[in-house]
Amino acid sequence: MIREEGICSLPSSIQTTSHKGKVCILHGTKDGIVDVSYAKRAYETYQKELGEENVELHLIEGGNHGFSKKKHDKEAISYLEKFAFLSD
């Protein structure tokens, strides 16, 4: 990650790790630190590598970088609980 003027930017090509399990990506649509486009690109990259059925992308509407509102936290936790249950 490259830090420019208080905002993080990622290289144009996202490199995933050697991870071969399921992936769940959560990202706030109002994230002022990492643009939501990076989550979308990571999602597309993982889909190509792992298959569509092994990757989830959940955009938290109005959520910022740290999901600072309780409703955003609840939404994120709900997605993570479902993901953890289905990944067992």
N, C-alpha and C. Protein backbone atom coordinates (compact mmCIF):
# COMPACT_ATOMS: atom_id res chain seq x y z
N MET A 1 0.83 -1.17 0.00
CA MET A 1 0.00 0.00 0.00
C MET A 1 0.88 1.24 0.00
N ILE A 2 0.48 2.23 -0.74
CA ILE A 2 1.23 3.47 -0.83
C ILE A 2 0.39 4.57 -0.18
N ARG A 3 1.03 5.36 0.68
CA ARG A 3 0.29 6.41 1.37
C ARG A 3 0.54 7.75 0.69
N GLU A 4 -0.52 8.38 0.21
CA GLU A 4 -0.41 9.68 -0.45
C GLU A 4 -1.43 10.63 0.15
N GLU A 5 -0.97 11.76 0.66
CA GLU A 5 -1.85 12.80 1.16
C GLU A 5 -2.92 12.26 2.10
N GLY A 6 -2.56 11.36 3.00
CA GLY A 6 -3.50 10.84 3.98
C GLY A 6 -4.45 9.78 3.46
N ILE A 7 -4.32 9.43 2.21
CA ILE A 7 -5.21 8.41 1.64
C ILE A 7 -4.35 7.27 1.11
N CYS A 8 -4.75 6.06 1.40
CA CYS A 8 -3.99 4.90 0.93
C CYS A 8 -4.42 4.56 -0.49
N SER A 9 -3.46 4.19 -1.29
CA SER A 9 -3.77 3.71 -2.63
C SER A 9 -3.01 2.42 -2.86
N LEU A 10 -3.60 1.56 -3.61
CA LEU A 10 -2.99 0.26 -3.90
C LEU A 10 -2.51 0.25 -5.34
N PRO A 11 -1.55 -0.60 -5.64
CA PRO A 11 -1.12 -0.73 -7.03
C PRO A 11 -2.31 -1.12 -7.91
N SER A 12 -2.21 -0.83 -9.19
CA SER A 12 -3.34 -1.12 -10.08
C SER A 12 -3.65 -2.61 -10.17
N SER A 13 -2.66 -3.46 -9.98
CA SER A 13 -2.93 -4.90 -9.97
C SER A 13 -2.88 -5.40 -8.53
N ILE A 14 -3.93 -6.03 -8.11
CA ILE A 14 -3.99 -6.56 -6.75
C ILE A 14 -3.46 -7.98 -6.78
N GLN A 15 -2.48 -8.24 -5.95
CA GLN A 15 -1.92 -9.58 -5.86
C GLN A 15 -2.49 -10.27 -4.63
N THR A 16 -3.06 -11.42 -4.83
CA THR A 16 -3.60 -12.17 -3.72
C THR A 16 -2.51 -13.12 -3.22
N THR A 17 -2.72 -13.63 -2.04
CA THR A 17 -1.75 -14.55 -1.46
C THR A 17 -2.00 -15.96 -1.98
N SER A 18 -1.31 -16.90 -1.43
CA SER A 18 -1.50 -18.30 -1.82
C SER A 18 -2.71 -18.91 -1.12
N HIS A 19 -3.51 -18.10 -0.46
CA HIS A 19 -4.71 -18.56 0.25
C HIS A 19 -5.64 -19.27 -0.73
N LYS A 20 -6.11 -20.45 -0.35
CA LYS A 20 -6.97 -21.23 -1.23
C LYS A 20 -8.35 -21.49 -0.64
N GLY A 21 -8.62 -20.91 0.52
CA GLY A 21 -9.92 -21.11 1.15
C GLY A 21 -10.93 -20.07 0.70
N LYS A 22 -12.05 -20.04 1.39
CA LYS A 22 -13.10 -19.07 1.08
C LYS A 22 -12.67 -17.67 1.55
N VAL A 23 -13.22 -16.65 0.89
CA VAL A 23 -12.86 -15.26 1.19
C VAL A 23 -14.13 -14.44 1.36
N CYS A 24 -14.15 -13.62 2.40
CA CYS A 24 -15.25 -12.69 2.64
C CYS A 24 -14.66 -11.29 2.75
N ILE A 25 -15.10 -10.40 1.87
CA ILE A 25 -14.61 -9.03 1.86
C ILE A 25 -15.73 -8.11 2.31
N LEU A 26 -15.46 -7.29 3.32
CA LEU A 26 -16.40 -6.28 3.79
C LEU A 26 -15.77 -4.92 3.55
N HIS A 27 -16.57 -3.99 3.04
CA HIS A 27 -16.01 -2.66 2.78
C HIS A 27 -17.11 -1.61 2.89
N GLY A 28 -16.80 -0.53 3.57
CA GLY A 28 -17.75 0.57 3.71
C GLY A 28 -17.77 1.44 2.45
N THR A 29 -18.96 1.83 2.03
CA THR A 29 -19.08 2.65 0.82
C THR A 29 -18.60 4.08 1.03
N LYS A 30 -18.46 4.50 2.27
CA LYS A 30 -17.99 5.85 2.58
C LYS A 30 -16.58 5.83 3.18
N ASP A 31 -15.82 4.80 2.88
CA ASP A 31 -14.45 4.68 3.38
C ASP A 31 -13.61 5.79 2.75
N GLY A 32 -13.08 6.67 3.58
CA GLY A 32 -12.27 7.77 3.10
C GLY A 32 -10.79 7.46 3.08
N ILE A 33 -10.42 6.25 3.45
CA ILE A 33 -9.00 5.86 3.49
C ILE A 33 -8.66 4.92 2.34
N VAL A 34 -9.46 3.89 2.16
CA VAL A 34 -9.26 2.94 1.06
C VAL A 34 -10.53 2.96 0.20
N ASP A 35 -10.40 3.37 -1.03
CA ASP A 35 -11.55 3.48 -1.91
C ASP A 35 -12.21 2.12 -2.13
N VAL A 36 -13.51 2.12 -2.23
CA VAL A 36 -14.28 0.88 -2.39
C VAL A 36 -13.91 0.15 -3.67
N SER A 37 -13.35 0.85 -4.64
CA SER A 37 -12.96 0.19 -5.90
C SER A 37 -11.90 -0.89 -5.65
N TYR A 38 -11.09 -0.74 -4.61
CA TYR A 38 -10.07 -1.75 -4.31
C TYR A 38 -10.72 -3.05 -3.82
N ALA A 39 -11.78 -2.93 -3.03
CA ALA A 39 -12.49 -4.12 -2.58
C ALA A 39 -13.13 -4.83 -3.77
N LYS A 40 -13.66 -4.04 -4.68
CA LYS A 40 -14.29 -4.63 -5.87
C LYS A 40 -13.26 -5.34 -6.74
N ARG A 41 -12.08 -4.74 -6.89
CA ARG A 41 -11.02 -5.39 -7.68
C ARG A 41 -10.51 -6.65 -6.99
N ALA A 42 -10.36 -6.59 -5.68
CA ALA A 42 -9.93 -7.79 -4.94
C ALA A 42 -10.96 -8.90 -5.12
N TYR A 43 -12.22 -8.55 -5.05
CA TYR A 43 -13.30 -9.52 -5.24
C TYR A 43 -13.20 -10.19 -6.61
N GLU A 44 -13.02 -9.39 -7.64
CA GLU A 44 -12.89 -9.93 -9.00
C GLU A 44 -11.66 -10.82 -9.14
N THR A 45 -10.55 -10.41 -8.53
CA THR A 45 -9.32 -11.20 -8.58
C THR A 45 -9.51 -12.54 -7.89
N TYR A 46 -10.08 -12.52 -6.69
CA TYR A 46 -10.32 -13.77 -5.96
C TYR A 46 -11.31 -14.66 -6.70
N GLN A 47 -12.32 -14.08 -7.33
CA GLN A 47 -13.26 -14.90 -8.10
C GLN A 47 -12.55 -15.67 -9.19
N LYS A 48 -11.64 -15.01 -9.87
CA LYS A 48 -10.89 -15.67 -10.95
C LYS A 48 -10.02 -16.78 -10.40
N GLU A 49 -9.42 -16.55 -9.24
CA GLU A 49 -8.48 -17.53 -8.67
C GLU A 49 -9.17 -18.66 -7.92
N LEU A 50 -10.27 -18.35 -7.23
CA LEU A 50 -10.90 -19.33 -6.35
C LEU A 50 -12.26 -19.82 -6.82
N GLY A 51 -12.84 -19.14 -7.79
CA GLY A 51 -14.19 -19.47 -8.24
C GLY A 51 -15.22 -18.60 -7.53
N GLU A 52 -16.25 -18.24 -8.25
CA GLU A 52 -17.27 -17.33 -7.73
C GLU A 52 -17.91 -17.82 -6.44
N GLU A 53 -18.08 -19.12 -6.31
CA GLU A 53 -18.75 -19.67 -5.13
C GLU A 53 -17.93 -19.57 -3.86
N ASN A 54 -16.66 -19.22 -3.96
CA ASN A 54 -15.77 -19.17 -2.80
C ASN A 54 -15.45 -17.75 -2.32
N VAL A 55 -16.10 -16.75 -2.93
CA VAL A 55 -15.78 -15.37 -2.60
C VAL A 55 -17.06 -14.57 -2.39
N GLU A 56 -17.07 -13.78 -1.32
CA GLU A 56 -18.20 -12.90 -1.04
C GLU A 56 -17.70 -11.47 -0.94
N LEU A 57 -18.50 -10.53 -1.43
CA LEU A 57 -18.23 -9.10 -1.26
C LEU A 57 -19.49 -8.48 -0.68
N HIS A 58 -19.33 -7.81 0.45
CA HIS A 58 -20.44 -7.12 1.09
C HIS A 58 -20.05 -5.67 1.28
N LEU A 59 -20.80 -4.79 0.63
CA LEU A 59 -20.56 -3.36 0.78
C LEU A 59 -21.49 -2.84 1.86
N ILE A 60 -20.91 -2.23 2.87
CA ILE A 60 -21.68 -1.69 3.99
C ILE A 60 -22.06 -0.25 3.61
N GLU A 61 -23.31 -0.06 3.24
CA GLU A 61 -23.79 1.24 2.77
C GLU A 61 -23.62 2.31 3.85
N GLY A 62 -22.85 3.33 3.52
CA GLY A 62 -22.60 4.44 4.45
C GLY A 62 -21.48 4.17 5.44
N GLY A 63 -20.94 2.97 5.43
CA GLY A 63 -19.88 2.60 6.37
C GLY A 63 -18.56 3.28 6.03
N ASN A 64 -17.87 3.75 7.07
CA ASN A 64 -16.55 4.34 6.83
C ASN A 64 -15.47 3.29 7.06
N HIS A 65 -14.23 3.72 7.16
CA HIS A 65 -13.11 2.78 7.25
C HIS A 65 -13.19 1.88 8.48
N GLY A 66 -13.67 2.39 9.58
CA GLY A 66 -13.73 1.59 10.81
C GLY A 66 -15.12 1.16 11.21
N PHE A 67 -16.12 1.30 10.31
CA PHE A 67 -17.51 0.98 10.64
C PHE A 67 -17.87 1.57 12.00
N SER A 68 -17.74 2.88 12.15
CA SER A 68 -17.88 3.52 13.45
C SER A 68 -19.31 3.61 13.98
N LYS A 69 -20.29 3.37 13.16
CA LYS A 69 -21.67 3.42 13.64
C LYS A 69 -22.13 2.01 14.01
N LYS A 70 -22.91 1.94 15.07
CA LYS A 70 -23.36 0.65 15.58
C LYS A 70 -24.09 -0.17 14.52
N LYS A 71 -24.91 0.49 13.68
CA LYS A 71 -25.65 -0.27 12.66
C LYS A 71 -24.70 -0.89 11.64
N HIS A 72 -23.58 -0.21 11.34
CA HIS A 72 -22.59 -0.77 10.41
C HIS A 72 -21.88 -1.95 11.05
N ASP A 73 -21.55 -1.82 12.33
CA ASP A 73 -20.94 -2.93 13.06
C ASP A 73 -21.84 -4.15 13.03
N LYS A 74 -23.12 -3.96 13.32
CA LYS A 74 -24.07 -5.08 13.34
C LYS A 74 -24.17 -5.75 11.98
N GLU A 75 -24.20 -4.95 10.93
CA GLU A 75 -24.29 -5.50 9.58
C GLU A 75 -23.04 -6.32 9.25
N ALA A 76 -21.87 -5.76 9.57
CA ALA A 76 -20.61 -6.46 9.31
C ALA A 76 -20.53 -7.76 10.10
N ILE A 77 -20.91 -7.71 11.37
CA ILE A 77 -20.87 -8.91 12.22
C ILE A 77 -21.83 -9.97 11.68
N SER A 78 -22.98 -9.55 11.21
CA SER A 78 -23.95 -10.49 10.65
C SER A 78 -23.36 -11.24 9.45
N TYR A 79 -22.71 -10.49 8.56
CA TYR A 79 -22.07 -11.13 7.40
C TYR A 79 -20.97 -12.10 7.85
N LEU A 80 -20.17 -11.67 8.82
CA LEU A 80 -19.06 -12.50 9.28
C LEU A 80 -19.55 -13.77 9.99
N GLU A 81 -20.62 -13.65 10.76
CA GLU A 81 -21.18 -14.84 11.43
C GLU A 81 -21.68 -15.85 10.39
N LYS A 82 -22.38 -15.36 9.38
CA LYS A 82 -22.87 -16.27 8.32
C LYS A 82 -21.71 -16.91 7.58
N PHE A 83 -20.70 -16.11 7.29
CA PHE A 83 -19.53 -16.62 6.59
C PHE A 83 -18.82 -17.68 7.41
N ALA A 84 -18.61 -17.42 8.70
CA ALA A 84 -17.93 -18.38 9.57
C ALA A 84 -18.72 -19.67 9.68
N PHE A 85 -20.05 -19.56 9.78
CA PHE A 85 -20.89 -20.74 9.89
C PHE A 85 -20.82 -21.58 8.62
N LEU A 86 -20.88 -20.93 7.46
CA LEU A 86 -20.88 -21.65 6.20
C LEU A 86 -19.49 -22.17 5.82
N SER A 87 -18.45 -21.60 6.42
CA SER A 87 -17.08 -22.00 6.07
C SER A 87 -16.60 -23.20 6.88
N ASP A 88 -17.36 -23.59 7.91
CA ASP A 88 -16.93 -24.75 8.74
C ASP A 88 -16.97 -26.04 7.98
